Amino acid sequence: MEKFACPTFTRDQDGSVHINTDLCIGDGSCIQTCPAAAIKI
């Protein structure tokens, strides 16, 4: 995920991934990158 990840992704110390919505431009790159298909716009 790190190699192709959307630049808005951040990872917590426990490994959870979150999206910084302030940086999101709505291009859908996060949807294509998410291995769990857990993101919808």
Protein backbone atom coordinates (compact mmCIF):
# COMPACT_ATOMS: atom_id res chain seq x y z
CA MET A 1 0.00 0.00 0.00
CA GLU A 2 2.79 2.45 0.81
CA LYS A 3 4.18 2.40 -2.73
CA PHE A 4 0.92 3.29 -4.52
CA ALA A 5 -1.03 4.86 -1.68
CA CYS A 6 -3.04 8.01 -1.89
CA PRO A 7 -1.01 10.82 -0.27
CA THR A 8 -3.82 11.44 2.22
CA PHE A 9 -3.28 8.07 3.96
CA THR A 10 -1.85 8.13 7.47
CA ARG A 11 -1.06 5.13 9.65
CA ASP A 12 -1.58 5.03 13.43
CA GLN A 13 0.85 3.34 15.80
CA ASP A 14 -1.45 0.30 15.90
CA GLY A 15 -1.29 0.01 12.10
CA SER A 16 -4.75 1.41 11.34
CA VAL A 17 -4.92 3.49 8.17
CA HIS A 18 -6.92 6.72 8.04
CA ILE A 19 -7.59 9.35 5.38
CA ASN A 20 -6.83 13.00 6.04
CA THR A 21 -9.97 14.49 4.50
CA ASP A 22 -8.42 17.97 4.50
CA LEU A 23 -5.96 16.75 1.85
CA CYS A 24 -8.48 14.76 -0.23
CA ILE A 25 -9.10 16.05 -3.76
CA GLY A 26 -11.79 13.47 -4.58
CA ASP A 27 -9.96 11.74 -7.45
CA GLY A 28 -10.70 8.21 -6.20
CA SER A 29 -7.08 7.06 -5.96
CA CYS A 30 -7.74 5.84 -2.42
CA ILE A 31 -10.52 3.54 -3.65
CA GLN A 32 -8.20 1.83 -6.13
CA THR A 33 -5.46 1.45 -3.51
CA CYS A 34 -7.49 0.11 -0.58
CA PRO A 35 -6.97 -3.69 -0.36
CA ALA A 36 -10.10 -4.09 1.80
CA ALA A 37 -12.40 -2.17 -0.57
CA ALA A 38 -13.51 -0.20 2.49
CA ILE A 39 -13.57 3.28 0.90
CA LYS A 40 -16.51 4.87 -0.86
CA ILE A 41 -16.81 8.46 -2.12
